[in-house]
Each structure stands twice: as C-alpha cells, then as structure tokens.
Amino acid sequence: MIYELRVYTLHPGRMKEYLKTFEENLPIREKHSKLAGLWYTEVGQLNQVFNLWGYRDLSHREAVRNGIGGDPDWQKVVARLLPMIVTMKNCILVPADFSPIK
C-alpha cells in the first residue's frame, strides 16, 4: 500500500467554500478511489488543506489519476476548485514495516 498526500494552499477566505464544494462532490471522486483522510490548518501556515489517498501501488495510482482526468463530472468540480487554489503539492508516502497504518 502507498499513500499520496496532496497539499493545497488556498486563497485567504476560501476555506469554507473549498471544503463545502469538495464534500458535496466527494462521491464523484470516490467512484475512482476512496479518501483516506482530509485535514486543514488552524495554526501555523494557514489556508492549507491536506488530502490523503490510498493506493495498492503506483500502477493503481496511475490508473485512478487517468480515470479522474477523463471523468467529465469530476473535471467540472476541478474547474470550480482551481480558482480557490494558490499552490498544489503532492508526495508519495510508503509506510514503514512497523507503521500501524499500512
């Protein structure tokens, strides 16, 4: 199992709108893969949202990314979310053998 952590920095004042839009449309995204977790910042660097997605392996991630890229319903949601985002980052996380979450 691998995880992808996606970090979005939002324009100030857009957090509520981003979270509402994402939550309302999550079933569209979850047709492709399930959300493992979503967090946002309250202290420190503000206006950040962290999405965690789990995949069997890199091939599974690639298939999901291709699927959402070709899903017109999800692309409509992306078009609504993008204007709220200043920066996007992601990283692939590999759990250690002793990690409680694998």
PDB file of N, CA and C in Angstrom:
ATOM      1  N   MET A   1       0.847  -1.177   0.000  1.00  0.00           N
ATOM      2  CA  MET A   1       0.000   0.000   0.000  1.00  0.00           C
ATOM      3  C   MET A   1       0.890   1.237   0.000  1.00  0.00           C
ATOM      4  N   ILE A   2       0.507   2.235  -0.789  1.00  0.00           N
ATOM      5  CA  ILE A   2       1.166   3.536  -0.758  1.00  0.00           C
ATOM      6  C   ILE A   2       0.093   4.596  -0.534  1.00  0.00           C
ATOM      7  N   TYR A   3       0.524   5.758  -0.127  1.00  0.00           N
ATOM      8  CA  TYR A   3      -0.396   6.868   0.089  1.00  0.00           C
ATOM      9  C   TYR A   3       0.113   8.082  -0.669  1.00  0.00           C
ATOM     10  N   GLU A   4      -0.811   8.863  -1.153  1.00  0.00           N
ATOM     11  CA  GLU A   4      -0.468  10.133  -1.775  1.00  0.00           C
ATOM     12  C   GLU A   4      -1.027  11.238  -0.888  1.00  0.00           C
ATOM     13  N   LEU A   5      -0.131  12.116  -0.451  1.00  0.00           N
ATOM     14  CA  LEU A   5      -0.530  13.280   0.326  1.00  0.00           C
ATOM     15  C   LEU A   5      -0.533  14.471  -0.621  1.00  0.00           C
ATOM     16  N   ARG A   6      -1.701  15.075  -0.794  1.00  0.00           N
ATOM     17  CA  ARG A   6      -1.848  16.251  -1.649  1.00  0.00           C
ATOM     18  C   ARG A   6      -2.086  17.453  -0.740  1.00  0.00           C
ATOM     19  N   VAL A   7      -1.310  18.502  -0.950  1.00  0.00           N
ATOM     20  CA  VAL A   7      -1.371  19.704  -0.125  1.00  0.00           C
ATOM     21  C   VAL A   7      -1.772  20.879  -1.006  1.00  0.00           C
ATOM     22  N   TYR A   8      -2.857  21.509  -0.640  1.00  0.00           N
ATOM     23  CA  TYR A   8      -3.359  22.669  -1.377  1.00  0.00           C
ATOM     24  C   TYR A   8      -3.296  23.891  -0.474  1.00  0.00           C
ATOM     25  N   THR A   9      -2.692  24.964  -0.957  1.00  0.00           N
ATOM     26  CA  THR A   9      -2.740  26.242  -0.268  1.00  0.00           C
ATOM     27  C   THR A   9      -3.804  27.076  -0.968  1.00  0.00           C
ATOM     28  N   LEU A  10      -4.766  27.537  -0.188  1.00  0.00           N
ATOM     29  CA  LEU A  10      -5.911  28.251  -0.751  1.00  0.00           C
ATOM     30  C   LEU A  10      -5.733  29.759  -0.607  1.00  0.00           C
ATOM     31  N   HIS A  11      -6.455  30.491  -1.445  1.00  0.00           N
ATOM     32  CA  HIS A  11      -6.539  31.937  -1.267  1.00  0.00           C
ATOM     33  C   HIS A  11      -7.214  32.202   0.080  1.00  0.00           C
ATOM     34  N   PRO A  12      -6.741  33.203   0.814  1.00  0.00           N
ATOM     35  CA  PRO A  12      -7.383  33.532   2.096  1.00  0.00           C
ATOM     36  C   PRO A  12      -8.890  33.762   1.910  1.00  0.00           C
ATOM     37  N   GLY A  13      -9.652  33.242   2.868  1.00  0.00           N
ATOM     38  CA  GLY A  13     -11.101  33.414   2.849  1.00  0.00           C
ATOM     39  C   GLY A  13     -11.861  32.400   2.012  1.00  0.00           C
ATOM     40  N   ARG A  14     -11.173  31.427   1.421  1.00  0.00           N
ATOM     41  CA  ARG A  14     -11.841  30.460   0.543  1.00  0.00           C
ATOM     42  C   ARG A  14     -12.008  29.075   1.168  1.00  0.00           C
ATOM     43  N   MET A  15     -11.550  28.893   2.417  1.00  0.00           N
ATOM     44  CA  MET A  15     -11.563  27.560   3.023  1.00  0.00           C
ATOM     45  C   MET A  15     -12.974  26.973   3.105  1.00  0.00           C
ATOM     46  N   LYS A  16     -13.936  27.723   3.639  1.00  0.00           N
ATOM     47  CA  LYS A  16     -15.299  27.183   3.784  1.00  0.00           C
ATOM     48  C   LYS A  16     -15.863  26.763   2.439  1.00  0.00           C
ATOM     49  N   GLU A  17     -15.687  27.598   1.426  1.00  0.00           N
ATOM     50  CA  GLU A  17     -16.204  27.297   0.092  1.00  0.00           C
ATOM     51  C   GLU A  17     -15.521  26.063  -0.491  1.00  0.00           C
ATOM     52  N   TYR A  18     -14.196  25.966  -0.316  1.00  0.00           N
ATOM     53  CA  TYR A  18     -13.459  24.810  -0.820  1.00  0.00           C
ATOM     54  C   TYR A  18     -13.966  23.526  -0.171  1.00  0.00           C
ATOM     55  N   LEU A  19     -14.035  23.526   1.172  1.00  0.00           N
ATOM     56  CA  LEU A  19     -14.467  22.323   1.885  1.00  0.00           C
ATOM     57  C   LEU A  19     -15.888  21.931   1.518  1.00  0.00           C
ATOM     58  N   LYS A  20     -16.783  22.907   1.401  1.00  0.00           N
ATOM     59  CA  LYS A  20     -18.173  22.613   1.039  1.00  0.00           C
ATOM     60  C   LYS A  20     -18.249  22.019  -0.371  1.00  0.00           C
ATOM     61  N   THR A  21     -17.554  22.624  -1.306  1.00  0.00           N
ATOM     62  CA  THR A  21     -17.555  22.129  -2.690  1.00  0.00           C
ATOM     63  C   THR A  21     -16.975  20.727  -2.754  1.00  0.00           C
ATOM     64  N   PHE A  22     -15.859  20.508  -2.045  1.00  0.00           N
ATOM     65  CA  PHE A  22     -15.217  19.197  -2.055  1.00  0.00           C
ATOM     66  C   PHE A  22     -16.133  18.148  -1.443  1.00  0.00           C
ATOM     67  N   GLU A  23     -16.709  18.456  -0.280  1.00  0.00           N
ATOM     68  CA  GLU A  23     -17.582  17.495   0.404  1.00  0.00           C
ATOM     69  C   GLU A  23     -18.802  17.143  -0.437  1.00  0.00           C
ATOM     70  N   GLU A  24     -19.437  18.127  -1.016  1.00  0.00           N
ATOM     71  CA  GLU A  24     -20.645  17.883  -1.823  1.00  0.00           C
ATOM     72  C   GLU A  24     -20.359  17.016  -3.043  1.00  0.00           C
ATOM     73  N   ASN A  25     -19.139  17.083  -3.546  1.00  0.00           N
ATOM     74  CA  ASN A  25     -18.788  16.366  -4.768  1.00  0.00           C
ATOM     75  C   ASN A  25     -17.890  15.155  -4.529  1.00  0.00           C
ATOM     76  N   LEU A  26     -17.605  14.846  -3.269  1.00  0.00           N
ATOM     77  CA  LEU A  26     -16.744  13.713  -2.951  1.00  0.00           C
ATOM     78  C   LEU A  26     -17.237  12.391  -3.555  1.00  0.00           C
ATOM     79  N   PRO A  27     -18.549  12.119  -3.590  1.00  0.00           N
ATOM     80  CA  PRO A  27     -18.982  10.858  -4.205  1.00  0.00           C
ATOM     81  C   PRO A  27     -18.531  10.704  -5.670  1.00  0.00           C
ATOM     82  N   ILE A  28     -18.422  11.810  -6.388  1.00  0.00           N
ATOM     83  CA  ILE A  28     -17.934  11.738  -7.776  1.00  0.00           C
ATOM     84  C   ILE A  28     -16.491  11.273  -7.781  1.00  0.00           C
ATOM     85  N   ARG A  29     -15.669  11.862  -6.908  1.00  0.00           N
ATOM     86  CA  ARG A  29     -14.246  11.499  -6.854  1.00  0.00           C
ATOM     87  C   ARG A  29     -14.066  10.081  -6.330  1.00  0.00           C
ATOM     88  N   GLU A  30     -14.921   9.689  -5.382  1.00  0.00           N
ATOM     89  CA  GLU A  30     -14.768   8.365  -4.783  1.00  0.00           C
ATOM     90  C   GLU A  30     -15.274   7.234  -5.671  1.00  0.00           C
ATOM     91  N   LYS A  31     -15.803   7.548  -6.833  1.00  0.00           N
ATOM     92  CA  LYS A  31     -16.072   6.496  -7.821  1.00  0.00           C
ATOM     93  C   LYS A  31     -14.753   5.882  -8.288  1.00  0.00           C
ATOM     94  N   HIS A  32     -13.665   6.618  -8.124  1.00  0.00           N
ATOM     95  CA  HIS A  32     -12.352   6.182  -8.610  1.00  0.00           C
ATOM     96  C   HIS A  32     -11.476   5.608  -7.503  1.00  0.00           C
ATOM     97  N   SER A  33     -11.474   6.236  -6.328  1.00  0.00           N
ATOM     98  CA  SER A  33     -10.763   5.710  -5.155  1.00  0.00           C
ATOM     99  C   SER A  33     -11.265   6.449  -3.926  1.00  0.00           C
ATOM    100  N   LYS A  34     -11.084   5.822  -2.780  1.00  0.00           N
ATOM    101  CA  LYS A  34     -11.626   6.352  -1.526  1.00  0.00           C
ATOM    102  C   LYS A  34     -10.637   7.309  -0.855  1.00  0.00           C
ATOM    103  N   LEU A  35     -11.191   8.341  -0.257  1.00  0.00           N
ATOM    104  CA  LEU A  35     -10.413   9.295   0.521  1.00  0.00           C
ATOM    105  C   LEU A  35     -10.028   8.650   1.845  1.00  0.00           C
ATOM    106  N   ALA A  36      -8.731   8.680   2.178  1.00  0.00           N
ATOM    107  CA  ALA A  36      -8.277   8.125   3.454  1.00  0.00           C
ATOM    108  C   ALA A  36      -8.389   9.160   4.572  1.00  0.00           C
ATOM    109  N   GLY A  37      -8.274  10.446   4.235  1.00  0.00           N
ATOM    110  CA  GLY A  37      -8.393  11.491   5.241  1.00  0.00           C
ATOM    111  C   GLY A  37      -8.271  12.869   4.614  1.00  0.00           C
ATOM    112  N   LEU A  38      -8.833  13.853   5.292  1.00  0.00           N
ATOM    113  CA  LEU A  38      -8.731  15.240   4.849  1.00  0.00           C
ATOM    114  C   LEU A  38      -8.623  16.114   6.083  1.00  0.00           C
ATOM    115  N   TRP A  39      -7.628  17.003   6.077  1.00  0.00           N
ATOM    116  CA  TRP A  39      -7.380  17.902   7.198  1.00  0.00           C
ATOM    117  C   TRP A  39      -7.159  19.313   6.665  1.00  0.00           C
ATOM    118  N   TYR A  40      -7.343  20.294   7.534  1.00  0.00           N
ATOM    119  CA  TYR A  40      -6.986  21.669   7.182  1.00  0.00           C
ATOM    120  C   TYR A  40      -6.303  22.312   8.379  1.00  0.00           C
ATOM    121  N   THR A  41      -5.558  23.368   8.111  1.00  0.00           N
ATOM    122  CA  THR A  41      -4.769  24.002   9.161  1.00  0.00           C
ATOM    123  C   THR A  41      -5.568  25.042   9.930  1.00  0.00           C
ATOM    124  N   GLU A  42      -5.308  25.096  11.226  1.00  0.00           N
ATOM    125  CA  GLU A  42      -5.878  26.102  12.126  1.00  0.00           C
ATOM    126  C   GLU A  42      -4.779  26.955  12.732  1.00  0.00           C
ATOM    127  N   VAL A  43      -3.569  26.403  12.836  1.00  0.00           N
ATOM    128  CA  VAL A  43      -2.425  27.078  13.433  1.00  0.00           C
ATOM    129  C   VAL A  43      -1.234  26.837  12.512  1.00  0.00           C
ATOM    130  N   GLY A  44      -0.295  27.774  12.505  1.00  0.00           N
ATOM    131  CA  GLY A  44       0.869  27.632  11.638  1.00  0.00           C
ATOM    132  C   GLY A  44       0.566  28.242  10.282  1.00  0.00           C
ATOM    133  N   GLN A  45       1.049  27.599   9.232  1.00  0.00           N
ATOM    134  CA  GLN A  45       0.760  28.106   7.900  1.00  0.00           C
ATOM    135  C   GLN A  45      -0.715  27.870   7.597  1.00  0.00           C
ATOM    136  N   LEU A  46      -1.461  28.933   7.493  1.00  0.00           N
ATOM    137  CA  LEU A  46      -2.910  28.845   7.340  1.00  0.00           C
ATOM    138  C   LEU A  46      -3.309  28.611   5.892  1.00  0.00           C
ATOM    139  N   ASN A  47      -4.602  28.343   5.707  1.00  0.00           N
ATOM    140  CA  ASN A  47      -5.205  28.187   4.376  1.00  0.00           C
ATOM    141  C   ASN A  47      -4.678  26.961   3.635  1.00  0.00           C
ATOM    142  N   GLN A  48      -4.325  25.915   4.371  1.00  0.00           N
ATOM    143  CA  GLN A  48      -3.863  24.686   3.732  1.00  0.00           C
ATOM    144  C   GLN A  48      -4.839  23.547   3.984  1.00  0.00           C
ATOM    145  N   VAL A  49      -5.009  22.729   2.948  1.00  0.00           N
ATOM    146  CA  VAL A  49      -5.840  21.526   3.006  1.00  0.00           C
ATOM    147  C   VAL A  49      -4.948  20.350   2.625  1.00  0.00           C
ATOM    148  N   PHE A  50      -5.058  19.261   3.372  1.00  0.00           N
ATOM    149  CA  PHE A  50      -4.275  18.044   3.133  1.00  0.00           C
ATOM    150  C   PHE A  50      -5.235  16.907   2.816  1.00  0.00           C
ATOM    151  N   ASN A  51      -5.095  16.308   1.649  1.00  0.00           N
ATOM    152  CA  ASN A  51      -5.893  15.137   1.258  1.00  0.00           C
ATOM    153  C   ASN A  51      -4.970  13.928   1.251  1.00  0.00           C
ATOM    154  N   LEU A  52      -5.428  12.817   1.817  1.00  0.00           N
ATOM    155  CA  LEU A  52      -4.654  11.583   1.812  1.00  0.00           C
ATOM    156  C   LEU A  52      -5.449  10.516   1.073  1.00  0.00           C
ATOM    157  N   TRP A  53      -4.829   9.955   0.045  1.00  0.00           N
ATOM    158  CA  TRP A  53      -5.452   8.921  -0.792  1.00  0.00           C
ATOM    159  C   TRP A  53      -4.598   7.664  -0.734  1.00  0.00           C
ATOM    160  N   GLY A  54      -5.226   6.502  -0.574  1.00  0.00           N
ATOM    161  CA  GLY A  54      -4.508   5.235  -0.540  1.00  0.00           C
ATOM    162  C   GLY A  54      -4.618   4.498  -1.863  1.00  0.00           C
ATOM    163  N   TYR A  55      -3.520   3.842  -2.233  1.00  0.00           N
ATOM    164  CA  TYR A  55      -3.469   3.056  -3.474  1.00  0.00           C
ATOM    165  C   TYR A  55      -2.732   1.745  -3.207  1.00  0.00           C
ATOM    166  N   ARG A  56      -3.076   0.728  -3.958  1.00  0.00           N
ATOM    167  CA  ARG A  56      -2.379  -0.554  -3.824  1.00  0.00           C
ATOM    168  C   ARG A  56      -0.899  -0.402  -4.170  1.00  0.00           C
ATOM    169  N   ASP A  57      -0.620   0.347  -5.235  1.00  0.00           N
ATOM    170  CA  ASP A  57       0.747   0.554  -5.719  1.00  0.00           C
ATOM    171  C   ASP A  57       0.725   1.712  -6.718  1.00  0.00           C
ATOM    172  N   LEU A  58       1.868   2.020  -7.319  1.00  0.00           N
ATOM    173  CA  LEU A  58       1.949   3.150  -8.252  1.00  0.00           C
ATOM    174  C   LEU A  58       1.103   2.930  -9.507  1.00  0.00           C
ATOM    175  N   SER A  59       0.969   1.687  -9.924  1.00  0.00           N
ATOM    176  CA  SER A  59       0.126   1.395 -11.095  1.00  0.00           C
ATOM    177  C   SER A  59      -1.333   1.713 -10.809  1.00  0.00           C
ATOM    178  N   HIS A  60      -1.791   1.363  -9.612  1.00  0.00           N
ATOM    179  CA  HIS A  60      -3.161   1.671  -9.214  1.00  0.00           C
ATOM    180  C   HIS A  60      -3.363   3.186  -9.177  1.00  0.00           C
ATOM    181  N   ARG A  61      -2.393   3.921  -8.622  1.00  0.00           N
ATOM    182  CA  ARG A  61      -2.489   5.378  -8.576  1.00  0.00           C
ATOM    183  C   ARG A  61      -2.585   5.947  -9.989  1.00  0.00           C
ATOM    184  N   GLU A  62      -1.742   5.447 -10.884  1.00  0.00           N
ATOM    185  CA  GLU A  62      -1.758   5.942 -12.265  1.00  0.00           C
ATOM    186  C   GLU A  62      -3.115   5.680 -12.927  1.00  0.00           C
ATOM    187  N   ALA A  63      -3.675   4.509 -12.708  1.00  0.00           N
ATOM    188  CA  ALA A  63      -4.984   4.182 -13.290  1.00  0.00           C
ATOM    189  C   ALA A  63      -6.064   5.104 -12.737  1.00  0.00           C
ATOM    190  N   VAL A  64      -6.019   5.377 -11.441  1.00  0.00           N
ATOM    191  CA  VAL A  64      -7.005   6.279 -10.827  1.00  0.00           C
ATOM    192  C   VAL A  64      -6.835   7.685 -11.380  1.00  0.00           C
ATOM    193  N   ARG A  65      -5.598   8.173 -11.435  1.00  0.00           N
ATOM    194  CA  ARG A  65      -5.353   9.526 -11.946  1.00  0.00           C
ATOM    195  C   ARG A  65      -5.829   9.651 -13.392  1.00  0.00           C
ATOM    196  N   ASN A  66      -5.604   8.632 -14.199  1.00  0.00           N
ATOM    197  CA  ASN A  66      -6.101   8.645 -15.580  1.00  0.00           C
ATOM    198  C   ASN A  66      -7.625   8.656 -15.606  1.00  0.00           C
ATOM    199  N   GLY A  67      -8.220   7.894 -14.703  1.00  0.00           N
ATOM    200  CA  GLY A  67      -9.682   7.829 -14.636  1.00  0.00           C
ATOM    201  C   GLY A  67     -10.308   9.151 -14.256  1.00  0.00           C
ATOM    202  N   ILE A  68      -9.766   9.829 -13.235  1.00  0.00           N
ATOM    203  CA  ILE A  68     -10.348  11.107 -12.839  1.00  0.00           C
ATOM    204  C   ILE A  68     -10.064  12.186 -13.876  1.00  0.00           C
ATOM    205  N   GLY A  69      -8.931  12.056 -14.566  1.00  0.00           N
ATOM    206  CA  GLY A  69      -8.613  13.017 -15.627  1.00  0.00           C
ATOM    207  C   GLY A  69      -9.587  12.940 -16.789  1.00  0.00           C
ATOM    208  N   GLY A  70     -10.160  11.761 -16.989  1.00  0.00           N
ATOM    209  CA  GLY A  70     -11.115  11.563 -18.073  1.00  0.00           C
ATOM    210  C   GLY A  70     -12.570  11.587 -17.643  1.00  0.00           C
ATOM    211  N   ASP A  71     -12.827  11.887 -16.379  1.00  0.00           N
ATOM    212  CA  ASP A  71     -14.196  11.906 -15.861  1.00  0.00           C
ATOM    213  C   ASP A  71     -14.757  13.324 -15.984  1.00  0.00           C
ATOM    214  N   PRO A  72     -15.686  13.554 -16.916  1.00  0.00           N
ATOM    215  CA  PRO A  72     -16.189  14.914 -17.126  1.00  0.00           C
ATOM    216  C   PRO A  72     -16.891  15.488 -15.896  1.00  0.00           C
ATOM    217  N   ASP A  73     -17.525  14.649 -15.100  1.00  0.00           N
ATOM    218  CA  ASP A  73     -18.186  15.143 -13.887  1.00  0.00           C
ATOM    219  C   ASP A  73     -17.161  15.670 -12.888  1.00  0.00           C
ATOM    220  N   TRP A  74     -16.049  14.923 -12.709  1.00  0.00           N
ATOM    221  CA  TRP A  74     -15.025  15.386 -11.780  1.00  0.00           C
ATOM    222  C   TRP A  74     -14.295  16.611 -12.347  1.00  0.00           C
ATOM    223  N   GLN A  75     -14.106  16.659 -13.637  1.00  0.00           N
ATOM    224  CA  GLN A  75     -13.425  17.812 -14.233  1.00  0.00           C
ATOM    225  C   GLN A  75     -14.239  19.100 -14.052  1.00  0.00           C
ATOM    226  N   LYS A  76     -15.547  18.994 -14.000  1.00  0.00           N
ATOM    227  CA  LYS A  76     -16.386  20.169 -13.701  1.00  0.00           C
ATOM    228  C   LYS A  76     -16.134  20.644 -12.270  1.00  0.00           C
ATOM    229  N   VAL A  77     -15.967  19.705 -11.356  1.00  0.00           N
ATOM    230  CA  VAL A  77     -15.676  20.049  -9.966  1.00  0.00           C
ATOM    231  C   VAL A  77     -14.291  20.698  -9.878  1.00  0.00           C
ATOM    232  N   VAL A  78     -13.326  20.130 -10.557  1.00  0.00           N
ATOM    233  CA  VAL A  78     -11.971  20.687 -10.567  1.00  0.00           C
ATOM    234  C   VAL A  78     -12.001  22.130 -11.066  1.00  0.00           C
ATOM    235  N   ALA A  79     -12.787  22.389 -12.087  1.00  0.00           N
ATOM    236  CA  ALA A  79     -12.895  23.749 -12.628  1.00  0.00           C
ATOM    237  C   ALA A  79     -13.439  24.723 -11.579  1.00  0.00           C
ATOM    238  N   ARG A  80     -14.249  24.237 -10.662  1.00  0.00           N
ATOM    239  CA  ARG A  80     -14.770  25.079  -9.575  1.00  0.00           C
ATOM    240  C   ARG A  80     -13.747  25.256  -8.459  1.00  0.00           C
ATOM    241  N   LEU A  81     -12.936  24.225  -8.208  1.00  0.00           N
ATOM    242  CA  LEU A  81     -11.962  24.269  -7.123  1.00  0.00           C
ATOM    243  C   LEU A  81     -10.704  25.053  -7.485  1.00  0.00           C
ATOM    244  N   LEU A  82     -10.238  24.941  -8.707  1.00  0.00           N
ATOM    245  CA  LEU A  82      -8.962  25.541  -9.096  1.00  0.00           C
ATOM    246  C   LEU A  82      -8.845  27.032  -8.792  1.00  0.00           C
ATOM    247  N   PRO A  83      -9.884  27.847  -9.025  1.00  0.00           N
ATOM    248  CA  PRO A  83      -9.731  29.269  -8.714  1.00  0.00           C
ATOM    249  C   PRO A  83      -9.520  29.568  -7.226  1.00  0.00           C
ATOM    250  N   MET A  84      -9.789  28.609  -6.364  1.00  0.00           N
ATOM    251  CA  MET A  84      -9.605  28.799  -4.927  1.00  0.00           C
ATOM    252  C   MET A  84      -8.180  28.468  -4.485  1.00  0.00           C
ATOM    253  N   ILE A  85      -7.396  27.845  -5.361  1.00  0.00           N
ATOM    254  CA  ILE A  85      -6.093  27.283  -5.004  1.00  0.00           C
ATOM    255  C   ILE A  85      -4.961  28.194  -5.468  1.00  0.00           C
ATOM    256  N   VAL A  86      -4.013  28.440  -4.557  1.00  0.00           N
ATOM    257  CA  VAL A  86      -2.805  29.199  -4.886  1.00  0.00           C
ATOM    258  C   VAL A  86      -1.707  28.247  -5.342  1.00  0.00           C
ATOM    259  N   THR A  87      -1.444  27.193  -4.542  1.00  0.00           N
ATOM    260  CA  THR A  87      -0.409  26.211  -4.888  1.00  0.00           C
ATOM    261  C   THR A  87      -0.904  24.806  -4.595  1.00  0.00           C
ATOM    262  N   MET A  88      -0.300  23.841  -5.290  1.00  0.00           N
ATOM    263  CA  MET A  88      -0.590  22.425  -5.085  1.00  0.00           C
ATOM    264  C   MET A  88       0.738  21.683  -4.990  1.00  0.00           C
ATOM    265  N   LYS A  89       0.823  20.755  -4.030  1.00  0.00           N
ATOM    266  CA  LYS A  89       1.994  19.885  -3.900  1.00  0.00           C
ATOM    267  C   LYS A  89       1.488  18.477  -3.610  1.00  0.00           C
ATOM    268  N   ASN A  90       2.286  17.503  -3.959  1.00  0.00           N
ATOM    269  CA  ASN A  90       1.950  16.141  -3.568  1.00  0.00           C
ATOM    270  C   ASN A  90       3.214  15.352  -3.311  1.00  0.00           C
ATOM    271  N   CYS A  91       3.072  14.286  -2.535  1.00  0.00           N
ATOM    272  CA  CYS A  91       4.169  13.356  -2.330  1.00  0.00           C
ATOM    273  C   CYS A  91       3.583  11.962  -2.127  1.00  0.00           C
ATOM    274  N   ILE A  92       4.376  10.987  -2.502  1.00  0.00           N
ATOM    275  CA  ILE A  92       4.001   9.584  -2.322  1.00  0.00           C
ATOM    276  C   ILE A  92       4.658   9.106  -1.031  1.00  0.00           C
ATOM    277  N   LEU A  93       3.839   8.541  -0.151  1.00  0.00           N
ATOM    278  CA  LEU A  93       4.313   8.054   1.146  1.00  0.00           C
ATOM    279  C   LEU A  93       4.279   6.532   1.162  1.00  0.00           C
ATOM    280  N   VAL A  94       5.363   5.942   1.628  1.00  0.00           N
ATOM    281  CA  VAL A  94       5.460   4.482   1.740  1.00  0.00           C
ATOM    282  C   VAL A  94       5.525   4.157   3.234  1.00  0.00           C
ATOM    283  N   PRO A  95       4.558   3.394   3.758  1.00  0.00           N
ATOM    284  CA  PRO A  95       4.582   3.101   5.197  1.00  0.00           C
ATOM    285  C   PRO A  95       5.756   2.204   5.580  1.00  0.00           C
ATOM    286  N   ALA A  96       6.372   2.499   6.717  1.00  0.00           N
ATOM    287  CA  ALA A  96       7.400   1.639   7.270  1.00  0.00           C
ATOM    288  C   ALA A  96       6.772   0.310   7.689  1.00  0.00           C
ATOM    289  N   ASP A  97       7.581  -0.709   7.760  1.00  0.00           N
ATOM    290  CA  ASP A  97       7.074  -2.042   8.127  1.00  0.00           C
ATOM    291  C   ASP A  97       6.312  -2.028   9.452  1.00  0.00           C
ATOM    292  N   PHE A  98       6.703  -1.173  10.392  1.00  0.00           N
ATOM    293  CA  PHE A  98       6.101  -1.150  11.713  1.00  0.00           C
ATOM    294  C   PHE A  98       4.992  -0.107  11.839  1.00  0.00           C
ATOM    295  N   SER A  99       4.650   0.553  10.748  1.00  0.00           N
ATOM    296  CA  SER A  99       3.600   1.571  10.796  1.00  0.00           C
ATOM    297  C   SER A  99       2.246   0.934  11.116  1.00  0.00           C
ATOM    298  N   PRO A 100       1.475   1.546  12.031  1.00  0.00           N
ATOM    299  CA  PRO A 100       0.150   0.994  12.338  1.00  0.00           C
ATOM    300  C   PRO A 100      -0.816   1.104  11.175  1.00  0.00           C
ATOM    301  N   ILE A 101      -0.551   2.042  10.283  1.00  0.00           N
ATOM    302  CA  ILE A 101      -1.379   2.174   9.067  1.00  0.00           C
ATOM    303  C   ILE A 101      -0.534   1.734   7.891  1.00  0.00           C
ATOM    304  N   LYS A 102      -1.010   0.712   7.210  1.00  0.00           N
ATOM    305  CA  LYS A 102      -0.279   0.210   6.036  1.00  0.00           C
ATOM    306  C   LYS A 102      -1.231   0.234   4.909  1.00  0.00           C
TER     307      LYS A 102
END
